[in-house]
Amino acid sequence: MTTRAAAGARPPDRTDPLPLWAQVCGDLRRRIEAGDFTAGFPGELPLTEEYEVSRHTIREALRVLRGEGVLRSHRGRPTVIEPTVYRQSLGTLYSLFDSVAAQGATPRSDVLRLSTTVNATVSADLGLPDDTELVVLERLRYADDQPLAHDISWLPADLARPLLDRDLTSAGLYAELQSFGLSIDAGSERVSAETAPRHIADALDLPADAAVLLLERRATAQGRPAEWRETHIRADRFSLEAQWTTAGSTLTATTEGISRP
């Protein structure tokens, strides 16, 4: 974890063969990661004074950071730090925990609920009898201590009961299932945009009525219904991507909805 001792500008070393702009660029990255600009990113003039370099040097460092997507600026507006966006490919079975870790961030979860329950609506979504006992897992998901997603998973208790004794604050759900022989291997997912419900906006540190992505997932294990999941994820910090070809595709209108518990 970065400490406050790391905060503050480190002027470039003029005996270092690395160009001044590159040294400043690297130090600005360090300071951004350390959370050194919570009050706002400074303008060019304060940066020239902090780093004891020319305005040209600062402009080149900022140009590189904008090109990397670290900063965003428009004429007449202050420069702002872009939030990290976590990318995930469509059409693959993925773990949000593993996806965040693979992109260099530290994932963790606050477990808000882990218990057994009966929910007829969820059971119907899974194609199970209404009175099926389920394990419910509700988590607030973080990337580098910043809230990223809120999700609730329901799993048949006869498959997932060992979860009740597991610590899921620093482990992915699918990895834990795998550890006792339950392998999630297929499923379907629907993604839609919606205005964040108030409790979701509060949990994800978003303003009221902010947009979020809603991911609804059905998963199976060796052909058996294994999980129904609803995830609200910050739309400003997560993107879904796909490869495509010129092969034909169709757009189909439907009135079918996925019911909510």
C-alpha atoms as a PDB file:
ATOM      1  CA  MET A   1       0.000   0.000   0.000  1.00  0.00           C
ATOM      2  CA  THR A   2       1.281   3.465  -0.894  1.00  0.00           C
ATOM      3  CA  THR A   3       2.003   5.743   2.064  1.00  0.00           C
ATOM      4  CA  ARG A   4       1.706   9.479   2.288  1.00  0.00           C
ATOM      5  CA  ALA A   5       5.511   9.640   2.368  1.00  0.00           C
ATOM      6  CA  ALA A   6       5.360   8.894  -1.358  1.00  0.00           C
ATOM      7  CA  ALA A   7       3.239  11.987  -2.029  1.00  0.00           C
ATOM      8  CA  GLY A   8       4.578  15.237  -3.414  1.00  0.00           C
ATOM      9  CA  ALA A   9       6.607  16.108  -6.492  1.00  0.00           C
ATOM     10  CA  ARG A  10      10.088  14.713  -7.052  1.00  0.00           C
ATOM     11  CA  PRO A  11      11.891  17.129  -9.400  1.00  0.00           C
ATOM     12  CA  PRO A  12      13.811  15.379 -12.176  1.00  0.00           C
ATOM     13  CA  ASP A  13      17.473  14.486 -11.875  1.00  0.00           C
ATOM     14  CA  ARG A  14      19.301  16.523 -14.514  1.00  0.00           C
ATOM     15  CA  THR A  15      22.237  14.097 -14.474  1.00  0.00           C
ATOM     16  CA  ASP A  16      19.924  11.238 -15.479  1.00  0.00           C
ATOM     17  CA  PRO A  17      20.043  10.443 -19.229  1.00  0.00           C
ATOM     18  CA  LEU A  18      16.257   9.988 -19.206  1.00  0.00           C
ATOM     19  CA  PRO A  19      14.597  13.103 -20.724  1.00  0.00           C
ATOM     20  CA  LEU A  20      13.149  15.564 -18.247  1.00  0.00           C
ATOM     21  CA  TRP A  21       9.630  15.161 -19.632  1.00  0.00           C
ATOM     22  CA  ALA A  22       9.841  11.364 -19.177  1.00  0.00           C
ATOM     23  CA  GLN A  23      10.976  11.741 -15.562  1.00  0.00           C
ATOM     24  CA  VAL A  24       8.133  14.156 -14.851  1.00  0.00           C
ATOM     25  CA  CYS A  25       5.694  11.833 -16.615  1.00  0.00           C
ATOM     26  CA  GLY A  26       6.780   8.894 -14.465  1.00  0.00           C
ATOM     27  CA  ASP A  27       6.544  10.905 -11.278  1.00  0.00           C
ATOM     28  CA  LEU A  28       3.050  12.133 -12.153  1.00  0.00           C
ATOM     29  CA  ARG A  29       1.973   8.515 -12.677  1.00  0.00           C
ATOM     30  CA  ARG A  30       3.373   7.681  -9.234  1.00  0.00           C
ATOM     31  CA  ARG A  31       1.530  10.578  -7.627  1.00  0.00           C
ATOM     32  CA  ILE A  32      -1.747   9.693  -9.348  1.00  0.00           C
ATOM     33  CA  GLU A  33      -1.480   6.112  -8.064  1.00  0.00           C
ATOM     34  CA  ALA A  34      -0.689   7.471  -4.579  1.00  0.00           C
ATOM     35  CA  GLY A  35      -3.868   9.572  -4.600  1.00  0.00           C
ATOM     36  CA  ASP A  36      -1.917  12.818  -4.491  1.00  0.00           C
ATOM     37  CA  PHE A  37      -4.486  14.846  -6.461  1.00  0.00           C
ATOM     38  CA  THR A  38      -7.723  14.337  -4.567  1.00  0.00           C
ATOM     39  CA  ALA A  39      -8.349  18.097  -4.604  1.00  0.00           C
ATOM     40  CA  GLY A  40      -7.976  18.241  -8.385  1.00  0.00           C
ATOM     41  CA  PHE A  41      -5.195  17.958 -10.927  1.00  0.00           C
ATOM     42  CA  PRO A  42      -3.011  21.103 -11.068  1.00  0.00           C
ATOM     43  CA  GLY A  43      -2.514  23.309 -14.092  1.00  0.00           C
ATOM     44  CA  GLU A  44       0.669  23.693 -16.119  1.00  0.00           C
ATOM     45  CA  LEU A  45       2.056  26.674 -14.198  1.00  0.00           C
ATOM     46  CA  PRO A  46       1.935  25.078 -10.713  1.00  0.00           C
ATOM     47  CA  LEU A  47       3.516  21.938 -12.188  1.00  0.00           C
ATOM     48  CA  THR A  48       6.406  23.924 -13.707  1.00  0.00           C
ATOM     49  CA  GLU A  49       7.063  25.410 -10.264  1.00  0.00           C
ATOM     50  CA  GLU A  50       6.818  22.050  -8.485  1.00  0.00           C
ATOM     51  CA  TYR A  51       9.139  20.271 -10.912  1.00  0.00           C
ATOM     52  CA  GLU A  52      11.426  23.242 -11.634  1.00  0.00           C
ATOM     53  CA  VAL A  53      11.223  22.651 -15.381  1.00  0.00           C
ATOM     54  CA  SER A  54       9.980  24.563 -18.412  1.00  0.00           C
ATOM     55  CA  ARG A  55       6.379  24.730 -19.500  1.00  0.00           C
ATOM     56  CA  HIS A  56       7.356  22.836 -22.657  1.00  0.00           C
ATOM     57  CA  THR A  57       8.568  19.921 -20.524  1.00  0.00           C
ATOM     58  CA  ILE A  58       5.313  19.837 -18.557  1.00  0.00           C
ATOM     59  CA  ARG A  59       3.231  19.981 -21.738  1.00  0.00           C
ATOM     60  CA  GLU A  60       5.105  17.018 -23.211  1.00  0.00           C
ATOM     61  CA  ALA A  61       4.616  14.965 -20.027  1.00  0.00           C
ATOM     62  CA  LEU A  62       0.904  15.785 -19.983  1.00  0.00           C
ATOM     63  CA  ARG A  63       0.586  14.979 -23.698  1.00  0.00           C
ATOM     64  CA  VAL A  64       1.943  11.488 -23.061  1.00  0.00           C
ATOM     65  CA  LEU A  65      -0.372  10.915 -20.099  1.00  0.00           C
ATOM     66  CA  ARG A  66      -3.372  12.028 -22.159  1.00  0.00           C
ATOM     67  CA  GLY A  67      -2.330   9.639 -24.912  1.00  0.00           C
ATOM     68  CA  GLU A  68      -2.190   6.795 -22.394  1.00  0.00           C
ATOM     69  CA  GLY A  69      -5.704   7.622 -21.195  1.00  0.00           C
ATOM     70  CA  VAL A  70      -4.482   8.602 -17.730  1.00  0.00           C
ATOM     71  CA  LEU A  71      -5.590  12.228 -18.075  1.00  0.00           C
ATOM     72  CA  ARG A  72      -8.372  13.995 -19.959  1.00  0.00           C
ATOM     73  CA  SER A  73      -8.465  17.670 -20.843  1.00  0.00           C
ATOM     74  CA  HIS A  74     -10.436  19.991 -23.103  1.00  0.00           C
ATOM     75  CA  ARG A  75      -9.805  23.596 -24.026  1.00  0.00           C
ATOM     76  CA  GLY A  76     -11.136  25.899 -21.340  1.00  0.00           C
ATOM     77  CA  ARG A  77     -11.637  23.074 -18.830  1.00  0.00           C
ATOM     78  CA  PRO A  78      -9.368  21.747 -16.085  1.00  0.00           C
ATOM     79  CA  THR A  79      -7.446  18.525 -16.634  1.00  0.00           C
ATOM     80  CA  VAL A  80      -8.961  15.543 -14.829  1.00  0.00           C
ATOM     81  CA  ILE A  81      -7.683  12.069 -13.970  1.00  0.00           C
ATOM     82  CA  GLU A  82      -9.468   9.339 -15.890  1.00  0.00           C
ATOM     83  CA  PRO A  83     -10.772   6.476 -13.746  1.00  0.00           C
ATOM     84  CA  THR A  84      -9.301   3.063 -14.527  1.00  0.00           C
ATOM     85  CA  VAL A  85     -11.579   1.108 -16.851  1.00  0.00           C
ATOM     86  CA  TYR A  86     -11.572  -2.678 -16.532  1.00  0.00           C
ATOM     87  CA  ARG A  87     -12.149  -4.476 -19.816  1.00  0.00           C
ATOM     88  CA  GLN A  88     -13.757  -7.856 -20.300  1.00  0.00           C
ATOM     89  CA  SER A  89     -14.310  -9.857 -23.487  1.00  0.00           C
ATOM     90  CA  LEU A  90     -17.837 -10.894 -24.379  1.00  0.00           C
ATOM     91  CA  GLY A  91     -18.556 -14.522 -25.124  1.00  0.00           C
ATOM     92  CA  THR A  92     -16.277 -15.942 -22.451  1.00  0.00           C
ATOM     93  CA  LEU A  93     -16.958 -17.275 -18.996  1.00  0.00           C
ATOM     94  CA  TYR A  94     -15.135 -14.900 -16.671  1.00  0.00           C
ATOM     95  CA  SER A  95     -14.600 -14.078 -13.033  1.00  0.00           C
ATOM     96  CA  LEU A  96     -14.678 -10.378 -12.188  1.00  0.00           C
ATOM     97  CA  PHE A  97     -12.166 -11.086  -9.419  1.00  0.00           C
ATOM     98  CA  ASP A  98      -9.714 -12.644 -11.895  1.00  0.00           C
ATOM     99  CA  SER A  99     -10.352  -9.990 -14.553  1.00  0.00           C
ATOM    100  CA  VAL A 100      -9.486  -7.163 -12.147  1.00  0.00           C
ATOM    101  CA  ALA A 101      -6.364  -8.976 -10.922  1.00  0.00           C
ATOM    102  CA  ALA A 102      -5.234  -9.726 -14.483  1.00  0.00           C
ATOM    103  CA  GLN A 103      -5.281  -5.997 -15.259  1.00  0.00           C
ATOM    104  CA  GLY A 104      -2.912  -5.152 -12.428  1.00  0.00           C
ATOM    105  CA  ALA A 105      -5.366  -4.062  -9.731  1.00  0.00           C
ATOM    106  CA  THR A 106      -5.998  -5.611  -6.319  1.00  0.00           C
ATOM    107  CA  PRO A 107      -9.485  -7.135  -6.023  1.00  0.00           C
ATOM    108  CA  ARG A 108     -11.333  -7.672  -2.767  1.00  0.00           C
ATOM    109  CA  SER A 109     -14.920  -8.007  -1.579  1.00  0.00           C
ATOM    110  CA  ASP A 110     -17.038  -6.991   1.375  1.00  0.00           C
ATOM    111  CA  VAL A 111     -19.361  -9.930   2.028  1.00  0.00           C
ATOM    112  CA  LEU A 112     -22.715  -8.382   2.898  1.00  0.00           C
ATOM    113  CA  ARG A 113     -24.683 -11.626   3.096  1.00  0.00           C
ATOM    114  CA  LEU A 114     -23.802 -15.328   3.005  1.00  0.00           C
ATOM    115  CA  SER A 115     -26.589 -17.634   4.103  1.00  0.00           C
ATOM    116  CA  THR A 116     -29.246 -20.055   2.928  1.00  0.00           C
ATOM    117  CA  THR A 117     -32.629 -18.942   1.695  1.00  0.00           C
ATOM    118  CA  VAL A 118     -35.629 -19.946  -0.411  1.00  0.00           C
ATOM    119  CA  ASN A 119     -36.608 -17.724  -3.326  1.00  0.00           C
ATOM    120  CA  ALA A 120     -39.235 -19.003  -5.729  1.00  0.00           C
ATOM    121  CA  THR A 121     -38.457 -16.427  -8.428  1.00  0.00           C
ATOM    122  CA  VAL A 122     -34.757 -17.254  -8.541  1.00  0.00           C
ATOM    123  CA  SER A 123     -35.509 -20.975  -8.461  1.00  0.00           C
ATOM    124  CA  ALA A 124     -37.810 -20.530 -11.452  1.00  0.00           C
ATOM    125  CA  ASP A 125     -35.052 -18.657 -13.296  1.00  0.00           C
ATOM    126  CA  LEU A 126     -32.774 -21.628 -12.637  1.00  0.00           C
ATOM    127  CA  GLY A 127     -35.443 -24.133 -13.681  1.00  0.00           C
ATOM    128  CA  LEU A 128     -35.650 -25.567 -10.164  1.00  0.00           C
ATOM    129  CA  PRO A 129     -38.627 -26.252  -7.855  1.00  0.00           C
ATOM    130  CA  ASP A 130     -39.925 -23.182  -6.017  1.00  0.00           C
ATOM    131  CA  ASP A 131     -38.928 -24.559  -2.607  1.00  0.00           C
ATOM    132  CA  THR A 132     -35.297 -25.300  -3.545  1.00  0.00           C
ATOM    133  CA  GLU A 133     -32.883 -24.291  -0.797  1.00  0.00           C
ATOM    134  CA  LEU A 134     -30.355 -21.779  -2.113  1.00  0.00           C
ATOM    135  CA  VAL A 135     -27.077 -20.310  -0.917  1.00  0.00           C
ATOM    136  CA  VAL A 136     -27.182 -16.518  -1.373  1.00  0.00           C
ATOM    137  CA  LEU A 137     -23.973 -14.501  -1.568  1.00  0.00           C
ATOM    138  CA  GLU A 138     -24.135 -10.700  -1.675  1.00  0.00           C
ATOM    139  CA  ARG A 139     -20.893  -8.786  -2.174  1.00  0.00           C
ATOM    140  CA  LEU A 140     -19.587  -5.270  -2.697  1.00  0.00           C
ATOM    141  CA  ARG A 141     -16.623  -5.633  -5.062  1.00  0.00           C
ATOM    142  CA  TYR A 142     -13.546  -3.396  -5.070  1.00  0.00           C
ATOM    143  CA  ALA A 143     -10.579  -2.772  -7.355  1.00  0.00           C
ATOM    144  CA  ASP A 144      -7.649  -1.083  -5.578  1.00  0.00           C
ATOM    145  CA  ASP A 145     -10.018  -0.137  -2.731  1.00  0.00           C
ATOM    146  CA  GLN A 146     -12.378   1.675  -5.115  1.00  0.00           C
ATOM    147  CA  PRO A 147     -15.958   0.310  -5.309  1.00  0.00           C
ATOM    148  CA  LEU A 148     -16.564  -1.308  -8.697  1.00  0.00           C
ATOM    149  CA  ALA A 149     -19.607  -3.569  -8.474  1.00  0.00           C
ATOM    150  CA  HIS A 150     -22.392  -4.906  -6.291  1.00  0.00           C
ATOM    151  CA  ASP A 151     -23.564  -8.423  -6.957  1.00  0.00           C
ATOM    152  CA  ILE A 152     -25.839 -11.123  -5.596  1.00  0.00           C
ATOM    153  CA  SER A 153     -25.414 -14.776  -6.500  1.00  0.00           C
ATOM    154  CA  TRP A 154     -27.873 -17.568  -5.755  1.00  0.00           C
ATOM    155  CA  LEU A 155     -26.687 -21.176  -6.003  1.00  0.00           C
ATOM    156  CA  PRO A 156     -28.452 -24.474  -5.208  1.00  0.00           C
ATOM    157  CA  ALA A 157     -27.503 -25.375  -1.650  1.00  0.00           C
ATOM    158  CA  ASP A 158     -26.966 -29.035  -2.497  1.00  0.00           C
ATOM    159  CA  LEU A 159     -24.091 -27.904  -4.756  1.00  0.00           C
ATOM    160  CA  ALA A 160     -22.751 -24.861  -2.942  1.00  0.00           C
ATOM    161  CA  ARG A 161     -23.238 -25.444   0.793  1.00  0.00           C
ATOM    162  CA  PRO A 162     -19.453 -25.565   1.473  1.00  0.00           C
ATOM    163  CA  LEU A 163     -19.351 -21.853   0.572  1.00  0.00           C
ATOM    164  CA  LEU A 164     -20.939 -21.066   3.924  1.00  0.00           C
ATOM    165  CA  ASP A 165     -17.625 -21.830   5.614  1.00  0.00           C
ATOM    166  CA  ARG A 166     -15.382 -19.990   3.153  1.00  0.00           C
ATOM    167  CA  ASP A 167     -13.760 -16.552   3.372  1.00  0.00           C
ATOM    168  CA  LEU A 168     -14.799 -14.762   0.175  1.00  0.00           C
ATOM    169  CA  THR A 169     -13.280 -11.375   0.939  1.00  0.00           C
ATOM    170  CA  SER A 170     -10.088 -12.070  -1.008  1.00  0.00           C
ATOM    171  CA  ALA A 171     -11.039 -14.953  -3.288  1.00  0.00           C
ATOM    172  CA  GLY A 172     -13.137 -15.353  -6.404  1.00  0.00           C
ATOM    173  CA  LEU A 173     -16.403 -17.284  -6.180  1.00  0.00           C
ATOM    174  CA  TYR A 174     -15.621 -19.615  -9.069  1.00  0.00           C
ATOM    175  CA  ALA A 175     -12.194 -20.464  -7.681  1.00  0.00           C
ATOM    176  CA  GLU A 176     -13.787 -21.378  -4.358  1.00  0.00           C
ATOM    177  CA  LEU A 177     -16.403 -23.528  -6.074  1.00  0.00           C
ATOM    178  CA  GLN A 178     -13.661 -25.257  -8.027  1.00  0.00           C
ATOM    179  CA  SER A 179     -11.790 -26.010  -4.802  1.00  0.00           C
ATOM    180  CA  PHE A 180     -14.565 -28.379  -3.706  1.00  0.00           C
ATOM    181  CA  GLY A 181     -15.196 -29.869  -7.125  1.00  0.00           C
ATOM    182  CA  LEU A 182     -17.910 -27.629  -8.599  1.00  0.00           C
ATOM    183  CA  SER A 183     -16.765 -26.289 -11.973  1.00  0.00           C
ATOM    184  CA  ILE A 184     -18.834 -23.569 -13.647  1.00  0.00           C
ATOM    185  CA  ASP A 185     -18.426 -24.339 -17.348  1.00  0.00           C
ATOM    186  CA  ALA A 186     -21.215 -22.668 -19.341  1.00  0.00           C
ATOM    187  CA  GLY A 187     -24.024 -20.158 -19.170  1.00  0.00           C
ATOM    188  CA  SER A 188     -25.567 -17.032 -20.591  1.00  0.00           C
ATOM    189  CA  GLU A 189     -25.403 -13.358 -19.682  1.00  0.00           C
ATOM    190  CA  ARG A 190     -27.493 -10.331 -20.538  1.00  0.00           C
ATOM    191  CA  VAL A 191     -26.169  -6.782 -20.196  1.00  0.00           C
ATOM    192  CA  SER A 192     -28.376  -3.708 -19.994  1.00  0.00           C
ATOM    193  CA  ALA A 193     -28.013  -0.114 -18.872  1.00  0.00           C
ATOM    194  CA  GLU A 194     -30.124   1.384 -16.132  1.00  0.00           C
ATOM    195  CA  THR A 195     -30.233   4.186 -13.621  1.00  0.00           C
ATOM    196  CA  ALA A 196     -28.646   3.005 -10.397  1.00  0.00           C
ATOM    197  CA  PRO A 197     -31.152   2.292  -7.624  1.00  0.00           C
ATOM    198  CA  ARG A 198     -30.433   4.526  -4.645  1.00  0.00           C
ATOM    199  CA  HIS A 199     -28.848   1.789  -2.498  1.00  0.00           C
ATOM    200  CA  ILE A 200     -26.605   0.744  -5.412  1.00  0.00           C
ATOM    201  CA  ALA A 201     -25.519   4.331  -6.090  1.00  0.00           C
ATOM    202  CA  ASP A 202     -24.668   4.768  -2.412  1.00  0.00           C
ATOM    203  CA  ALA A 203     -22.727   1.501  -2.285  1.00  0.00           C
ATOM    204  CA  LEU A 204     -20.735   2.295  -5.436  1.00  0.00           C
ATOM    205  CA  ASP A 205     -20.025   5.901  -4.406  1.00  0.00           C
ATOM    206  CA  LEU A 206     -21.984   7.281  -7.357  1.00  0.00           C
ATOM    207  CA  PRO A 207     -24.197  10.365  -7.620  1.00  0.00           C
ATOM    208  CA  ALA A 208     -27.942   9.822  -7.563  1.00  0.00           C
ATOM    209  CA  ASP A 209     -29.348   8.622 -10.887  1.00  0.00           C
ATOM    210  CA  ALA A 210     -25.916   7.667 -12.272  1.00  0.00           C
ATOM    211  CA  ALA A 211     -25.863   5.075 -15.038  1.00  0.00           C
ATOM    212  CA  VAL A 212     -24.749   1.529 -14.258  1.00  0.00           C
ATOM    213  CA  LEU A 213     -24.553  -1.701 -16.205  1.00  0.00           C
ATOM    214  CA  LEU A 214     -26.756  -4.553 -15.040  1.00  0.00           C
ATOM    215  CA  LEU A 215     -25.323  -8.006 -15.780  1.00  0.00           C
ATOM    216  CA  GLU A 216     -27.739 -10.913 -15.359  1.00  0.00           C
ATOM    217  CA  ARG A 217     -26.134 -14.357 -15.541  1.00  0.00           C
ATOM    218  CA  ARG A 218     -27.310 -17.950 -15.548  1.00  0.00           C
ATOM    219  CA  ALA A 219     -24.496 -20.465 -15.138  1.00  0.00           C
ATOM    220  CA  THR A 220     -24.353 -24.239 -15.254  1.00  0.00           C
ATOM    221  CA  ALA A 221     -21.954 -26.928 -14.072  1.00  0.00           C
ATOM    222  CA  GLN A 222     -21.853 -30.110 -16.134  1.00  0.00           C
ATOM    223  CA  GLY A 223     -25.320 -29.293 -17.416  1.00  0.00           C
ATOM    224  CA  ARG A 224     -26.844 -28.628 -13.991  1.00  0.00           C
ATOM    225  CA  PRO A 225     -28.235 -25.193 -13.010  1.00  0.00           C
ATOM    226  CA  ALA A 226     -25.552 -23.744 -10.731  1.00  0.00           C
ATOM    227  CA  GLU A 227     -25.895 -19.967 -10.377  1.00  0.00           C
ATOM    228  CA  TRP A 228     -28.182 -17.004 -11.007  1.00  0.00           C
ATOM    229  CA  ARG A 229     -26.372 -13.696 -10.555  1.00  0.00           C
ATOM    230  CA  GLU A 230     -27.275 -10.008 -10.747  1.00  0.00           C
ATOM    231  CA  THR A 231     -24.372  -7.563 -10.879  1.00  0.00           C
ATOM    232  CA  HIS A 232     -24.607  -3.775 -10.911  1.00  0.00           C
ATOM    233  CA  ILE A 233     -21.288  -2.426 -12.124  1.00  0.00           C
ATOM    234  CA  ARG A 234     -20.020   1.111 -12.568  1.00  0.00           C
ATOM    235  CA  ALA A 235     -20.443   2.043 -16.223  1.00  0.00           C
ATOM    236  CA  ASP A 236     -17.561   4.527 -15.984  1.00  0.00           C
ATOM    237  CA  ARG A 237     -15.108   1.827 -14.877  1.00  0.00           C
ATOM    238  CA  PHE A 238     -16.046  -1.289 -16.827  1.00  0.00           C
ATOM    239  CA  SER A 239     -16.412  -2.139 -20.497  1.00  0.00           C
ATOM    240  CA  LEU A 240     -17.395  -5.268 -22.390  1.00  0.00           C
ATOM    241  CA  GLU A 241     -15.613  -5.870 -25.681  1.00  0.00           C
ATOM    242  CA  ALA A 242     -16.003  -8.309 -28.557  1.00  0.00           C
ATOM    243  CA  GLN A 243     -14.239  -9.347 -31.744  1.00  0.00           C
ATOM    244  CA  TRP A 244     -16.420  -9.409 -34.846  1.00  0.00           C
ATOM    245  CA  THR A 245     -16.347 -10.453 -38.503  1.00  0.00           C
ATOM    246  CA  THR A 246     -18.455  -9.721 -41.570  1.00  0.00           C
ATOM    247  CA  ALA A 247     -20.471 -12.894 -40.975  1.00  0.00           C
ATOM    248  CA  GLY A 248     -24.181 -12.144 -40.763  1.00  0.00           C
ATOM    249  CA  SER A 249     -25.941 -11.317 -37.533  1.00  0.00           C
ATOM    250  CA  THR A 250     -29.499 -10.403 -36.702  1.00  0.00           C
ATOM    251  CA  LEU A 251     -31.196  -7.923 -34.424  1.00  0.00           C
ATOM    252  CA  THR A 252     -34.247  -9.468 -32.846  1.00  0.00           C
ATOM    253  CA  ALA A 253     -36.998  -7.603 -31.026  1.00  0.00           C
ATOM    254  CA  THR A 254     -38.399  -9.417 -28.021  1.00  0.00           C
ATOM    255  CA  THR A 255     -40.851  -8.757 -25.250  1.00  0.00           C
ATOM    256  CA  GLU A 256     -39.403 -11.522 -23.133  1.00  0.00           C
ATOM    257  CA  GLY A 257     -38.006 -10.260 -19.841  1.00  0.00           C
ATOM    258  CA  ILE A 258     -35.835 -11.817 -17.222  1.00  0.00           C
ATOM    259  CA  SER A 259     -37.775 -11.745 -13.985  1.00  0.00           C
ATOM    260  CA  ARG A 260     -36.247 -10.278 -10.851  1.00  0.00           C
ATOM    261  CA  PRO A 261     -36.540 -11.666  -7.352  1.00  0.00           C
END
